[in-house]
Structure formats: C-alpha cells, structure tokens
C-alpha cells in the first residue's frame, strides 16, 4: 500500500477543503490516492462510477497515480471529458480526447468512454453530449484551474454560474489561449483554436465529489482568487467554494509563500 503523503498545510476556503503539498509530485500522488478512494466508493455504492476528466498538463501526476491505484474496477467506469477544441484535425495531438486516450483511457480501459467531437455539427454535438451527461448523476469530477481562473473552458467572459445548459460552444479569451502556448501544447498563439465545446459550470458543479489539482507558479494568482477573492465569474473557479464536497490540491509554487503555511 502506498504511504500517505503529508500536506504542508491544510485549510478551508468557504466549503472547499484546501491541501498544500511541498511539490507537484506529492500533490499529484495524494490527489490520486483520494480520487481513487472516491472511485472505489462510488462503484461499491452504485455499481458504477460516472467520471468527468480534465485534459491538461496540470493533471499528469494525478492520472499517473490513478493508473497505479489498486482495486479500481475500471470496467464499471463511464468516462467523460470536459472540453474540446472546435475545428482541430482529427489526428491533431492537441485534441483533449487524444490526450486523455493516450495518458489515461488506453492504460486503464474504462468500460465506457464518451469523447466530445469538435469537428462536425457543433449544436448537435452539444445536445448529444448533454443527453449522455443527463442519463445519470456524475459521481466524480477531476479538474484543474486555468491561469485566468477558468474551469473547463468557462473563461470569465462566458462563465455563467446559473447556465441553463450542460454543454455549450464558447469563444476562448486571449489569456486562455496564451496559456495553451505557455503549457507547450501549441508553438504559437495563432495555432490555438479560438472556439471550443465545454461542459458548463452547473454541469461541473453537479458532480458529487470534485478533485481539483492546481500546481505551478503560473497558477498562483488564480489560486489566490479562487480561495480568497469574491465569488464572481471574473474568477470562475471561485464558485468551487460553494460546492459541498470539493478538495483543492496545490503545491507551494501555486499556493505561494505570501499565503504562509502552518
């Protein structure tokens, strides 16, 4: 059994639990351990687990931990992902479905994998994916937070805490697109798509348990605003403070020495 990694600080922000780790490896290991427990418990309680996964470098350590986790019957997992670019070539390595398939799904083989298709009729695809999400409650959401405070592709200009939709097409704002270059996903801003399909904030917040992994110094301001700023769509992730069962996992680079630890 893997030894539990101890956080350097534990606290709360609203209803959100916050756990700070010395580095992103420790952060990812513990996020994976707790998410694995959540998956096993959902399967034990319901016979299945319906999970939404984010596709981003910030989730790499989490997914490596889930791959190694023991006792998860992945055949009982229905896997969704939370956003996808519109208009990328089907073989483009930057597609989020490709990222998740290569880094997670092909290695654990969930019983059912449902990917968003951003290459065809967008309105019809939003309706199709919404219908699948609505088939049954979402048990777990594994997510991150963008440099501009977005969750999924709900950037500040399009974020809506009371969105009537589960899935929608959005225009990506400039800081969001620049982050994709900063993360090394694209070589230049002009190569980053301008639009995407995303699960909305109510869709994400409908998950019974949320595991939010946010490492790195580039996320420091987003973490600060998420924890201590006003709850506003100017920082969409701030709404996480109102979820009844969410844990924010972060490292000292993202948490920042100015916050202090105890």
Protein backbone atom coordinates (compact mmCIF):
# COMPACT_ATOMS: atom_id res chain seq x y z
CA UNK A 1 0.00 0.00 0.00
CA UNK A 2 1.32 3.46 -0.89
CA UNK A 3 2.34 5.56 2.09
CA UNK A 4 0.19 8.64 2.53
CA UNK A 5 1.83 11.91 1.55
CA UNK A 6 1.53 14.56 4.23
CA UNK A 7 0.49 18.10 3.26
CA UNK A 8 2.45 21.09 4.49
CA UNK A 9 -0.79 22.99 5.10
CA UNK A 10 -4.47 22.11 5.37
CA UNK A 11 -7.28 24.64 5.48
CA UNK A 12 -10.62 25.64 4.09
CA UNK A 13 -11.96 28.32 1.79
CA UNK A 14 -15.71 28.50 2.16
CA UNK A 15 -16.85 24.87 1.89
CA UNK A 16 -13.77 23.90 -0.12
CA UNK A 17 -11.04 21.86 1.53
CA UNK A 18 -7.51 23.00 0.64
CA UNK A 19 -4.42 20.81 0.87
CA UNK A 20 -0.98 22.21 0.04
CA UNK A 21 1.96 19.92 -0.73
CA UNK A 22 5.68 20.54 -0.99
CA UNK A 23 5.80 19.91 -4.74
CA UNK A 24 3.60 18.82 -7.62
CA UNK A 25 4.69 15.18 -7.39
CA UNK A 26 3.47 14.94 -3.80
CA UNK A 27 0.35 16.89 -4.70
CA UNK A 28 -0.47 14.57 -7.58
CA UNK A 29 0.18 11.44 -5.57
CA UNK A 30 -2.22 12.41 -2.82
CA UNK A 31 -4.85 13.75 -5.23
CA UNK A 32 -4.72 10.39 -6.99
CA UNK A 33 -4.98 8.47 -3.74
CA UNK A 34 -8.06 10.39 -2.66
CA UNK A 35 -9.68 10.28 -6.11
CA UNK A 36 -9.06 6.53 -6.27
CA UNK A 37 -10.83 6.13 -2.94
CA UNK A 38 -13.75 8.15 -4.28
CA UNK A 39 -13.96 5.98 -7.40
CA UNK A 40 -13.87 2.75 -5.41
CA UNK A 41 -16.56 4.04 -3.05
CA UNK A 42 -18.83 5.15 -5.90
CA UNK A 43 -18.54 1.72 -7.52
CA UNK A 44 -19.21 -0.01 -4.21
CA UNK A 45 -22.27 2.14 -3.56
CA UNK A 46 -23.79 2.24 -7.04
CA UNK A 47 -22.15 -0.50 -9.06
CA UNK A 48 -20.60 2.09 -11.37
CA UNK A 49 -18.82 5.44 -11.39
CA UNK A 50 -19.50 8.26 -13.86
CA UNK A 51 -16.42 10.48 -14.02
CA UNK A 52 -15.52 13.70 -15.85
CA UNK A 53 -11.81 14.15 -16.55
CA UNK A 54 -9.89 17.31 -17.43
CA UNK A 55 -7.20 17.23 -20.13
CA UNK A 56 -4.25 19.41 -19.12
CA UNK A 57 -0.61 19.05 -18.08
CA UNK A 58 -1.65 20.01 -14.55
CA UNK A 59 -3.37 16.62 -14.29
CA UNK A 60 -0.41 14.46 -15.36
CA UNK A 61 0.63 13.38 -11.86
CA UNK A 62 -2.96 12.70 -10.85
CA UNK A 63 -3.50 10.38 -13.81
CA UNK A 64 -0.21 8.55 -13.31
CA UNK A 65 -1.34 7.89 -9.75
CA UNK A 66 -4.75 6.65 -10.86
CA UNK A 67 -3.12 4.25 -13.31
CA UNK A 68 -1.12 2.73 -10.45
CA UNK A 69 -4.03 2.70 -7.99
CA UNK A 70 -5.14 -0.74 -6.87
CA UNK A 71 -8.67 -2.02 -6.51
CA UNK A 72 -10.45 0.12 -9.14
CA UNK A 73 -12.72 -1.89 -11.43
CA UNK A 74 -12.34 0.35 -14.44
CA UNK A 75 -14.81 -1.77 -16.40
CA UNK A 76 -17.51 -0.16 -14.24
CA UNK A 77 -16.38 3.40 -15.06
CA UNK A 78 -18.07 5.65 -17.61
CA UNK A 79 -15.55 8.32 -18.59
CA UNK A 80 -16.37 11.78 -19.95
CA UNK A 81 -14.11 14.70 -20.66
CA UNK A 82 -14.94 18.30 -20.01
CA UNK A 83 -13.97 20.27 -23.10
CA UNK A 84 -12.66 20.03 -26.64
CA UNK A 85 -11.38 22.41 -29.28
CA UNK A 86 -13.55 23.14 -32.29
CA UNK A 87 -12.01 22.62 -35.70
CA UNK A 88 -8.79 20.76 -34.91
CA UNK A 89 -7.85 17.95 -37.25
CA UNK A 90 -8.98 14.53 -36.04
CA UNK A 91 -5.35 13.46 -35.72
CA UNK A 92 -4.09 16.62 -34.02
CA UNK A 93 -2.12 15.72 -30.87
CA UNK A 94 -3.57 18.76 -29.06
CA UNK A 95 -7.08 17.32 -29.07
CA UNK A 96 -8.16 16.77 -25.48
CA UNK A 97 -9.74 13.44 -26.37
CA UNK A 98 -6.37 12.32 -27.70
CA UNK A 99 -4.60 13.50 -24.56
CA UNK A 100 -6.93 11.53 -22.29
CA UNK A 101 -6.95 8.46 -24.52
CA UNK A 102 -3.15 8.31 -24.56
CA UNK A 103 -2.44 9.25 -20.96
CA UNK A 104 -5.30 7.51 -19.17
CA UNK A 105 -8.05 5.70 -21.05
CA UNK A 106 -5.81 3.39 -23.12
CA UNK A 107 -3.98 2.39 -19.95
CA UNK A 108 -6.91 1.72 -17.59
CA UNK A 109 -9.60 0.91 -20.20
CA UNK A 110 -12.84 2.25 -18.72
CA UNK A 111 -15.95 0.26 -19.58
CA UNK A 112 -17.38 3.23 -21.50
CA UNK A 113 -15.57 6.27 -22.87
CA UNK A 114 -17.54 9.18 -24.30
CA UNK A 115 -15.49 11.80 -26.15
CA UNK A 116 -16.62 15.20 -27.39
CA UNK A 117 -16.38 15.58 -31.16
CA UNK A 118 -15.49 19.16 -32.10
CA UNK A 119 -15.15 18.51 -35.81
CA UNK A 120 -18.75 18.46 -37.03
CA UNK A 121 -22.14 19.92 -36.23
CA UNK A 122 -21.45 21.80 -33.02
CA UNK A 123 -25.01 22.44 -31.85
CA UNK A 124 -25.94 18.82 -32.43
CA UNK A 125 -22.81 17.64 -30.60
CA UNK A 126 -23.62 19.82 -27.58
CA UNK A 127 -27.10 18.31 -27.46
CA UNK A 128 -25.74 14.76 -27.83
CA UNK A 129 -23.20 15.15 -25.07
CA UNK A 130 -25.67 16.90 -22.78
CA UNK A 131 -28.06 13.98 -23.13
CA UNK A 132 -25.38 11.49 -22.10
CA UNK A 133 -24.38 13.57 -19.09
CA UNK A 134 -28.02 13.75 -18.03
CA UNK A 135 -28.54 9.98 -18.15
CA UNK A 136 -27.47 9.66 -14.50
CA UNK A 137 -25.71 11.74 -11.84
CA UNK A 138 -21.99 12.47 -12.19
CA UNK A 139 -20.08 10.91 -9.32
CA UNK A 140 -16.64 12.47 -9.69
CA UNK A 141 -15.04 15.40 -11.50
CA UNK A 142 -11.25 15.66 -11.80
CA UNK A 143 -10.47 19.22 -12.80
CA UNK A 144 -7.90 21.98 -12.79
CA UNK A 145 -8.00 25.78 -12.78
CA UNK A 146 -6.72 27.96 -15.61
CA UNK A 147 -4.39 30.91 -15.24
CA UNK A 148 -7.39 33.18 -15.79
CA UNK A 149 -9.45 31.27 -13.21
CA UNK A 150 -11.39 29.21 -15.73
CA UNK A 151 -12.77 25.75 -15.01
CA UNK A 152 -13.14 23.65 -18.14
CA UNK A 153 -13.34 26.30 -20.90
CA UNK A 154 -15.61 28.58 -18.89
CA UNK A 155 -13.45 31.68 -19.26
CA UNK A 156 -14.55 34.86 -17.44
CA UNK A 157 -16.34 36.37 -20.47
CA UNK A 158 -18.56 33.30 -20.97
CA UNK A 159 -18.80 31.81 -17.47
CA UNK A 160 -22.31 31.57 -16.03
CA UNK A 161 -22.93 30.17 -12.56
CA UNK A 162 -26.60 29.60 -13.46
CA UNK A 163 -26.11 28.43 -17.01
CA UNK A 164 -29.26 26.62 -18.23
CA UNK A 165 -27.11 24.38 -20.46
CA UNK A 166 -24.92 21.41 -19.58
CA UNK A 167 -22.69 21.74 -22.65
CA UNK A 168 -22.12 24.73 -24.92
CA UNK A 169 -19.83 26.21 -27.56
CA UNK A 170 -17.69 29.13 -26.41
CA UNK A 171 -15.14 31.60 -27.70
CA UNK A 172 -11.83 31.33 -25.85
CA UNK A 173 -10.41 34.51 -24.41
CA UNK A 174 -6.84 35.61 -25.05
CA UNK A 175 -5.32 34.64 -21.66
CA UNK A 176 -6.80 31.16 -22.02
CA UNK A 177 -5.34 30.72 -25.49
CA UNK A 178 -1.97 32.07 -24.37
CA UNK A 179 -1.91 29.51 -21.55
CA UNK A 180 -2.04 26.73 -24.14
CA UNK A 181 1.19 28.14 -25.59
CA UNK A 182 2.71 28.57 -22.11
CA UNK A 183 1.91 24.92 -21.36
CA UNK A 184 3.73 23.83 -24.51
CA UNK A 185 0.61 22.47 -26.20
CA UNK A 186 0.96 24.83 -29.17
CA UNK A 187 4.03 26.57 -30.59
CA UNK A 188 2.34 29.92 -31.23
CA UNK A 189 -0.84 31.79 -30.32
CA UNK A 190 -2.07 31.79 -33.91
CA UNK A 191 -2.15 27.99 -33.85
CA UNK A 192 -4.51 27.83 -30.85
CA UNK A 193 -8.17 27.41 -31.83
CA UNK A 194 -10.45 30.31 -31.00
CA UNK A 195 -13.52 28.24 -30.05
CA UNK A 196 -14.31 25.12 -28.09
CA UNK A 197 -17.08 22.96 -26.67
CA UNK A 198 -17.21 22.88 -22.89
CA UNK A 199 -19.20 21.49 -20.02
CA UNK A 200 -20.79 24.42 -18.24
CA UNK A 201 -20.21 25.38 -14.63
CA UNK A 202 -23.51 23.85 -13.42
CA UNK A 203 -22.53 20.59 -15.16
CA UNK A 204 -19.21 20.53 -13.31
CA UNK A 205 -20.78 21.54 -10.01
CA UNK A 206 -23.30 18.70 -10.32
CA UNK A 207 -20.56 16.17 -9.59
CA UNK A 208 -20.91 14.55 -6.18
CA UNK A 209 -17.16 14.84 -5.48
CA UNK A 210 -14.68 17.23 -7.08
CA UNK A 211 -10.91 16.75 -7.01
CA UNK A 212 -9.15 19.90 -8.22
CA UNK A 213 -5.38 19.74 -8.89
CA UNK A 214 -3.56 23.04 -9.46
CA UNK A 215 0.26 23.05 -9.45
CA UNK A 216 2.80 25.63 -10.56
CA UNK A 217 3.75 29.25 -10.05
CA UNK A 218 1.78 30.40 -13.10
CA UNK A 219 -1.40 29.45 -11.23
CA UNK A 220 -0.60 31.41 -8.06
CA UNK A 221 -2.90 34.35 -8.74
CA UNK A 222 -5.72 32.04 -9.83
CA UNK A 223 -5.37 30.02 -6.63
CA UNK A 224 -5.40 33.18 -4.53
CA UNK A 225 -8.53 34.49 -6.23
CA UNK A 226 -10.21 31.10 -6.04
CA UNK A 227 -9.61 30.87 -2.31
CA UNK A 228 -9.88 34.44 -1.14
CA UNK A 229 -11.35 36.67 -3.82
CA UNK A 230 -15.03 37.43 -4.34
CA UNK A 231 -17.18 34.66 -5.77
CA UNK A 232 -17.64 36.04 -9.24
CA UNK A 233 -17.40 34.97 -12.87
CA UNK A 234 -14.34 37.24 -13.10
CA UNK A 235 -12.69 34.17 -11.49
CA UNK A 236 -14.98 31.29 -12.43
CA UNK A 237 -13.19 28.83 -10.12
CA UNK A 238 -14.26 30.89 -7.11
CA UNK A 239 -17.64 29.12 -7.28
CA UNK A 240 -15.90 25.96 -6.09
CA UNK A 241 -16.05 27.41 -2.58
CA UNK A 242 -19.78 26.71 -2.62
CA UNK A 243 -19.56 23.01 -3.55
CA UNK A 244 -20.31 20.65 -0.64
CA UNK A 245 -17.55 18.13 -1.43
CA UNK A 246 -14.53 19.59 -3.20
CA UNK A 247 -10.82 19.38 -2.40
CA UNK A 248 -8.27 21.74 -3.89
CA UNK A 249 -4.83 20.13 -4.13
CA UNK A 250 -1.99 22.53 -4.80
CA UNK A 251 1.75 22.87 -4.30
CA UNK A 252 3.88 25.56 -2.69
CA UNK A 253 4.66 27.09 -6.09
CA UNK A 254 0.97 27.71 -6.73
CA UNK A 255 -0.02 28.45 -3.15
CA UNK A 256 2.74 31.00 -2.71
CA UNK A 257 4.93 31.99 0.23
CA UNK A 258 2.82 35.11 0.73
CA UNK A 259 -0.05 32.92 1.89
CA UNK A 260 2.06 31.30 4.58
CA UNK A 261 1.81 27.73 5.85
CA UNK A 262 1.16 26.22 9.20
